[in-house]
Amino acid sequence: MNRNNVIIMARPIKETPILYGKDAERFLNEMKDVKPASEEEKQRVRASYERIKKLATFMM
């Protein structure tokens, strides 16, 4: 809350910067070479999700 008792939920998202030159080339090359997550990584993420889901007691 700020001084006027107004709840501020989040700050505005800034615009995404435009990439030029070697930064743009590097980004495009990395996007072409995306490797899928390993089964181990997927299992770790699923386990984390299940733990968080059990902790979440709020209504949606």
PDB file of N, CA and C in Angstrom:
ATOM      1  N   MET A   1       0.839  -1.188   0.000  1.00  0.00           N
ATOM      2  CA  MET A   1       0.000   0.000   0.000  1.00  0.00           C
ATOM      3  C   MET A   1       0.880   1.246   0.000  1.00  0.00           C
ATOM      4  N   ASN A   2       0.432   2.230  -0.690  1.00  0.00           N
ATOM      5  CA  ASN A   2       1.157   3.487  -0.644  1.00  0.00           C
ATOM      6  C   ASN A   2       0.473   4.426   0.352  1.00  0.00           C
ATOM      7  N   ARG A   3       0.860   5.661   0.380  1.00  0.00           N
ATOM      8  CA  ARG A   3       0.321   6.610   1.363  1.00  0.00           C
ATOM      9  C   ARG A   3      -1.164   6.878   1.214  1.00  0.00           C
ATOM     10  N   ASN A   4      -1.731   6.685   0.052  1.00  0.00           N
ATOM     11  CA  ASN A   4      -3.148   6.973  -0.182  1.00  0.00           C
ATOM     12  C   ASN A   4      -4.019   5.737   0.009  1.00  0.00           C
ATOM     13  N   ASN A   5      -3.494   4.692   0.640  1.00  0.00           N
ATOM     14  CA  ASN A   5      -4.214   3.437   0.865  1.00  0.00           C
ATOM     15  C   ASN A   5      -4.685   2.784  -0.423  1.00  0.00           C
ATOM     16  N   VAL A   6      -3.882   2.903  -1.459  1.00  0.00           N
ATOM     17  CA  VAL A   6      -4.166   2.268  -2.738  1.00  0.00           C
ATOM     18  C   VAL A   6      -3.243   1.068  -2.866  1.00  0.00           C
ATOM     19  N   ILE A   7      -3.812  -0.082  -3.170  1.00  0.00           N
ATOM     20  CA  ILE A   7      -3.005  -1.287  -3.317  1.00  0.00           C
ATOM     21  C   ILE A   7      -2.412  -1.311  -4.719  1.00  0.00           C
ATOM     22  N   ILE A   8      -1.101  -1.454  -4.791  1.00  0.00           N
ATOM     23  CA  ILE A   8      -0.402  -1.529  -6.060  1.00  0.00           C
ATOM     24  C   ILE A   8      -0.048  -2.995  -6.288  1.00  0.00           C
ATOM     25  N   MET A   9      -0.591  -3.578  -7.338  1.00  0.00           N
ATOM     26  CA  MET A   9      -0.418  -5.006  -7.590  1.00  0.00           C
ATOM     27  C   MET A   9       0.916  -5.327  -8.259  1.00  0.00           C
ATOM     28  N   ALA A  10       1.299  -4.572  -9.256  1.00  0.00           N
ATOM     29  CA  ALA A  10       2.530  -4.867  -9.975  1.00  0.00           C
ATOM     30  C   ALA A  10       2.993  -3.625 -10.719  1.00  0.00           C
ATOM     31  N   ARG A  11       4.263  -3.631 -11.047  1.00  0.00           N
ATOM     32  CA  ARG A  11       4.800  -2.539 -11.855  1.00  0.00           C
ATOM     33  C   ARG A  11       4.543  -2.838 -13.325  1.00  0.00           C
ATOM     34  N   PRO A  12       4.409  -1.817 -14.149  1.00  0.00           N
ATOM     35  CA  PRO A  12       4.201  -2.043 -15.583  1.00  0.00           C
ATOM     36  C   PRO A  12       5.404  -2.773 -16.192  1.00  0.00           C
ATOM     37  N   ILE A  13       5.142  -3.574 -17.203  1.00  0.00           N
ATOM     38  CA  ILE A  13       6.199  -4.294 -17.899  1.00  0.00           C
ATOM     39  C   ILE A  13       6.816  -3.359 -18.927  1.00  0.00           C
ATOM     40  N   LYS A  14       8.155  -3.296 -18.922  1.00  0.00           N
ATOM     41  CA  LYS A  14       8.855  -2.454 -19.889  1.00  0.00           C
ATOM     42  C   LYS A  14       8.827  -3.111 -21.258  1.00  0.00           C
ATOM     43  N   GLU A  15       8.974  -2.294 -22.282  1.00  0.00           N
ATOM     44  CA  GLU A  15       9.018  -2.819 -23.644  1.00  0.00           C
ATOM     45  C   GLU A  15      10.264  -3.682 -23.812  1.00  0.00           C
ATOM     46  N   THR A  16      10.133  -4.722 -24.630  1.00  0.00           N
ATOM     47  CA  THR A  16      11.268  -5.588 -24.917  1.00  0.00           C
ATOM     48  C   THR A  16      12.224  -4.851 -25.839  1.00  0.00           C
ATOM     49  N   PRO A  17      13.512  -4.836 -25.483  1.00  0.00           N
ATOM     50  CA  PRO A  17      14.463  -4.127 -26.348  1.00  0.00           C
ATOM     51  C   PRO A  17      14.647  -4.854 -27.685  1.00  0.00           C
ATOM     52  N   ILE A  18      14.966  -4.110 -28.712  1.00  0.00           N
ATOM     53  CA  ILE A  18      15.223  -4.671 -30.037  1.00  0.00           C
ATOM     54  C   ILE A  18      16.699  -5.040 -30.109  1.00  0.00           C
ATOM     55  N   LEU A  19      16.976  -6.232 -30.625  1.00  0.00           N
ATOM     56  CA  LEU A  19      18.359  -6.688 -30.760  1.00  0.00           C
ATOM     57  C   LEU A  19      18.889  -6.350 -32.147  1.00  0.00           C
ATOM     58  N   TYR A  20      20.151  -5.967 -32.197  1.00  0.00           N
ATOM     59  CA  TYR A  20      20.808  -5.621 -33.451  1.00  0.00           C
ATOM     60  C   TYR A  20      22.132  -6.361 -33.555  1.00  0.00           C
ATOM     61  N   GLY A  21      22.623  -6.507 -34.763  1.00  0.00           N
ATOM     62  CA  GLY A  21      23.965  -7.014 -35.005  1.00  0.00           C
ATOM     63  C   GLY A  21      24.207  -8.411 -34.461  1.00  0.00           C
ATOM     64  N   LYS A  22      25.359  -8.568 -33.793  1.00  0.00           N
ATOM     65  CA  LYS A  22      25.758  -9.884 -33.287  1.00  0.00           C
ATOM     66  C   LYS A  22      24.807 -10.406 -32.220  1.00  0.00           C
ATOM     67  N   ASP A  23      24.215  -9.508 -31.437  1.00  0.00           N
ATOM     68  CA  ASP A  23      23.238  -9.949 -30.435  1.00  0.00           C
ATOM     69  C   ASP A  23      22.037 -10.601 -31.105  1.00  0.00           C
ATOM     70  N   ALA A  24      21.568 -10.007 -32.201  1.00  0.00           N
ATOM     71  CA  ALA A  24      20.429 -10.565 -32.928  1.00  0.00           C
ATOM     72  C   ALA A  24      20.797 -11.907 -33.553  1.00  0.00           C
ATOM     73  N   GLU A  25      21.982 -12.005 -34.136  1.00  0.00           N
ATOM     74  CA  GLU A  25      22.436 -13.262 -34.726  1.00  0.00           C
ATOM     75  C   GLU A  25      22.536 -14.358 -33.673  1.00  0.00           C
ATOM     76  N   ARG A  26      23.119 -14.034 -32.535  1.00  0.00           N
ATOM     77  CA  ARG A  26      23.272 -15.006 -31.449  1.00  0.00           C
ATOM     78  C   ARG A  26      21.895 -15.476 -30.961  1.00  0.00           C
ATOM     79  N   PHE A  27      20.972 -14.555 -30.813  1.00  0.00           N
ATOM     80  CA  PHE A  27      19.624 -14.912 -30.372  1.00  0.00           C
ATOM     81  C   PHE A  27      18.956 -15.859 -31.364  1.00  0.00           C
ATOM     82  N   LEU A  28      19.025 -15.546 -32.655  1.00  0.00           N
ATOM     83  CA  LEU A  28      18.405 -16.392 -33.672  1.00  0.00           C
ATOM     84  C   LEU A  28      19.035 -17.784 -33.700  1.00  0.00           C
ATOM     85  N   ASN A  29      20.359 -17.850 -33.563  1.00  0.00           N
ATOM     86  CA  ASN A  29      21.034 -19.149 -33.548  1.00  0.00           C
ATOM     87  C   ASN A  29      20.629 -19.968 -32.328  1.00  0.00           C
ATOM     88  N   GLU A  30      20.500 -19.321 -31.181  1.00  0.00           N
ATOM     89  CA  GLU A  30      20.072 -20.034 -29.974  1.00  0.00           C
ATOM     90  C   GLU A  30      18.635 -20.521 -30.104  1.00  0.00           C
ATOM     91  N   MET A  31      17.789 -19.753 -30.781  1.00  0.00           N
ATOM     92  CA  MET A  31      16.402 -20.165 -30.975  1.00  0.00           C
ATOM     93  C   MET A  31      16.310 -21.377 -31.907  1.00  0.00           C
ATOM     94  N   LYS A  32      17.233 -21.495 -32.853  1.00  0.00           N
ATOM     95  CA  LYS A  32      17.248 -22.633 -33.769  1.00  0.00           C
ATOM     96  C   LYS A  32      17.718 -23.909 -33.084  1.00  0.00           C
ATOM     97  N   ASP A  33      18.566 -23.768 -32.062  1.00  0.00           N
ATOM     98  CA  ASP A  33      19.196 -24.920 -31.408  1.00  0.00           C
ATOM     99  C   ASP A  33      18.605 -25.219 -30.034  1.00  0.00           C
ATOM    100  N   VAL A  34      17.299 -25.039 -29.879  1.00  0.00           N
ATOM    101  CA  VAL A  34      16.661 -25.304 -28.585  1.00  0.00           C
ATOM    102  C   VAL A  34      16.644 -26.807 -28.344  1.00  0.00           C
ATOM    103  N   LYS A  35      17.123 -27.205 -27.167  1.00  0.00           N
ATOM    104  CA  LYS A  35      17.146 -28.618 -26.806  1.00  0.00           C
ATOM    105  C   LYS A  35      15.998 -28.905 -25.844  1.00  0.00           C
ATOM    106  N   PRO A  36      15.267 -29.991 -26.059  1.00  0.00           N
ATOM    107  CA  PRO A  36      14.173 -30.321 -25.154  1.00  0.00           C
ATOM    108  C   PRO A  36      14.690 -30.671 -23.760  1.00  0.00           C
ATOM    109  N   ALA A  37      13.842 -30.466 -22.768  1.00  0.00           N
ATOM    110  CA  ALA A  37      14.216 -30.796 -21.394  1.00  0.00           C
ATOM    111  C   ALA A  37      14.359 -32.306 -21.257  1.00  0.00           C
ATOM    112  N   SER A  38      15.312 -32.725 -20.431  1.00  0.00           N
ATOM    113  CA  SER A  38      15.518 -34.153 -20.198  1.00  0.00           C
ATOM    114  C   SER A  38      14.379 -34.694 -19.330  1.00  0.00           C
ATOM    115  N   GLU A  39      14.223 -36.009 -19.315  1.00  0.00           N
ATOM    116  CA  GLU A  39      13.196 -36.626 -18.472  1.00  0.00           C
ATOM    117  C   GLU A  39      13.447 -36.311 -17.002  1.00  0.00           C
ATOM    118  N   GLU A  40      14.717 -36.275 -16.608  1.00  0.00           N
ATOM    119  CA  GLU A  40      15.070 -35.951 -15.219  1.00  0.00           C
ATOM    120  C   GLU A  40      14.584 -34.551 -14.856  1.00  0.00           C
ATOM    121  N   GLU A  41      14.809 -33.597 -15.761  1.00  0.00           N
ATOM    122  CA  GLU A  41      14.369 -32.216 -15.524  1.00  0.00           C
ATOM    123  C   GLU A  41      12.848 -32.135 -15.450  1.00  0.00           C
ATOM    124  N   LYS A  42      12.162 -32.840 -16.355  1.00  0.00           N
ATOM    125  CA  LYS A  42      10.701 -32.843 -16.351  1.00  0.00           C
ATOM    126  C   LYS A  42      10.161 -33.421 -15.047  1.00  0.00           C
ATOM    127  N   GLN A  43      10.768 -34.488 -14.554  1.00  0.00           N
ATOM    128  CA  GLN A  43      10.324 -35.096 -13.297  1.00  0.00           C
ATOM    129  C   GLN A  43      10.548 -34.147 -12.125  1.00  0.00           C
ATOM    130  N   ARG A  44      11.689 -33.450 -12.128  1.00  0.00           N
ATOM    131  CA  ARG A  44      11.982 -32.502 -11.055  1.00  0.00           C
ATOM    132  C   ARG A  44      10.954 -31.369 -11.038  1.00  0.00           C
ATOM    133  N   VAL A  45      10.597 -30.868 -12.223  1.00  0.00           N
ATOM    134  CA  VAL A  45       9.622 -29.780 -12.319  1.00  0.00           C
ATOM    135  C   VAL A  45       8.238 -30.267 -11.885  1.00  0.00           C
ATOM    136  N   ARG A  46       7.851 -31.488 -12.323  1.00  0.00           N
ATOM    137  CA  ARG A  46       6.542 -32.029 -11.917  1.00  0.00           C
ATOM    138  C   ARG A  46       6.458 -32.200 -10.409  1.00  0.00           C
ATOM    139  N   ALA A  47       7.547 -32.707  -9.791  1.00  0.00           N
ATOM    140  CA  ALA A  47       7.566 -32.900  -8.341  1.00  0.00           C
ATOM    141  C   ALA A  47       7.438 -31.555  -7.624  1.00  0.00           C
ATOM    142  N   SER A  48       8.125 -30.542  -8.109  1.00  0.00           N
ATOM    143  CA  SER A  48       8.024 -29.206  -7.512  1.00  0.00           C
ATOM    144  C   SER A  48       6.608 -28.671  -7.643  1.00  0.00           C
ATOM    145  N   TYR A  49       6.014 -28.860  -8.802  1.00  0.00           N
ATOM    146  CA  TYR A  49       4.642 -28.405  -9.032  1.00  0.00           C
ATOM    147  C   TYR A  49       3.676 -29.076  -8.051  1.00  0.00           C
ATOM    148  N   GLU A  50       3.820 -30.381  -7.867  1.00  0.00           N
ATOM    149  CA  GLU A  50       2.931 -31.103  -6.951  1.00  0.00           C
ATOM    150  C   GLU A  50       3.095 -30.605  -5.520  1.00  0.00           C
ATOM    151  N   ARG A  51       4.333 -30.330  -5.092  1.00  0.00           N
ATOM    152  CA  ARG A  51       4.563 -29.801  -3.735  1.00  0.00           C
ATOM    153  C   ARG A  51       3.901 -28.444  -3.560  1.00  0.00           C
ATOM    154  N   ILE A  52       4.051 -27.578  -4.548  1.00  0.00           N
ATOM    155  CA  ILE A  52       3.455 -26.235  -4.469  1.00  0.00           C
ATOM    156  C   ILE A  52       1.934 -26.336  -4.496  1.00  0.00           C
ATOM    157  N   LYS A  53       1.401 -27.230  -5.324  1.00  0.00           N
ATOM    158  CA  LYS A  53      -0.045 -27.396  -5.416  1.00  0.00           C
ATOM    159  C   LYS A  53      -0.631 -27.815  -4.070  1.00  0.00           C
ATOM    160  N   LYS A  54       0.080 -28.654  -3.319  1.00  0.00           N
ATOM    161  CA  LYS A  54      -0.394 -29.075  -2.002  1.00  0.00           C
ATOM    162  C   LYS A  54      -0.377 -27.916  -1.003  1.00  0.00           C
ATOM    163  N   LEU A  55       0.579 -27.005  -1.173  1.00  0.00           N
ATOM    164  CA  LEU A  55       0.692 -25.863  -0.259  1.00  0.00           C
ATOM    165  C   LEU A  55      -0.355 -24.785  -0.550  1.00  0.00           C
ATOM    166  N   ALA A  56      -0.812 -24.712  -1.788  1.00  0.00           N
ATOM    167  CA  ALA A  56      -1.737 -23.653  -2.188  1.00  0.00           C
ATOM    168  C   ALA A  56      -3.107 -23.936  -1.599  1.00  0.00           C
ATOM    169  N   THR A  57      -3.555 -23.054  -0.700  1.00  0.00           N
ATOM    170  CA  THR A  57      -4.843 -23.243  -0.055  1.00  0.00           C
ATOM    171  C   THR A  57      -5.841 -22.152  -0.450  1.00  0.00           C
ATOM    172  N   PHE A  58      -5.450 -21.258  -1.339  1.00  0.00           N
ATOM    173  CA  PHE A  58      -6.332 -20.174  -1.738  1.00  0.00           C
ATOM    174  C   PHE A  58      -7.302 -20.636  -2.817  1.00  0.00           C
ATOM    175  N   MET A  59      -8.409 -19.965  -2.897  1.00  0.00           N
ATOM    176  CA  MET A  59      -9.432 -20.302  -3.893  1.00  0.00           C
ATOM    177  C   MET A  59      -9.055 -19.666  -5.231  1.00  0.00           C
ATOM    178  N   MET A  60      -9.358 -20.370  -6.310  1.00  0.00           N
ATOM    179  CA  MET A  60      -9.090 -19.810  -7.641  1.00  0.00           C
ATOM    180  C   MET A  60     -10.386 -19.546  -8.330  1.00  0.00           C
TER     181      MET A  60
END
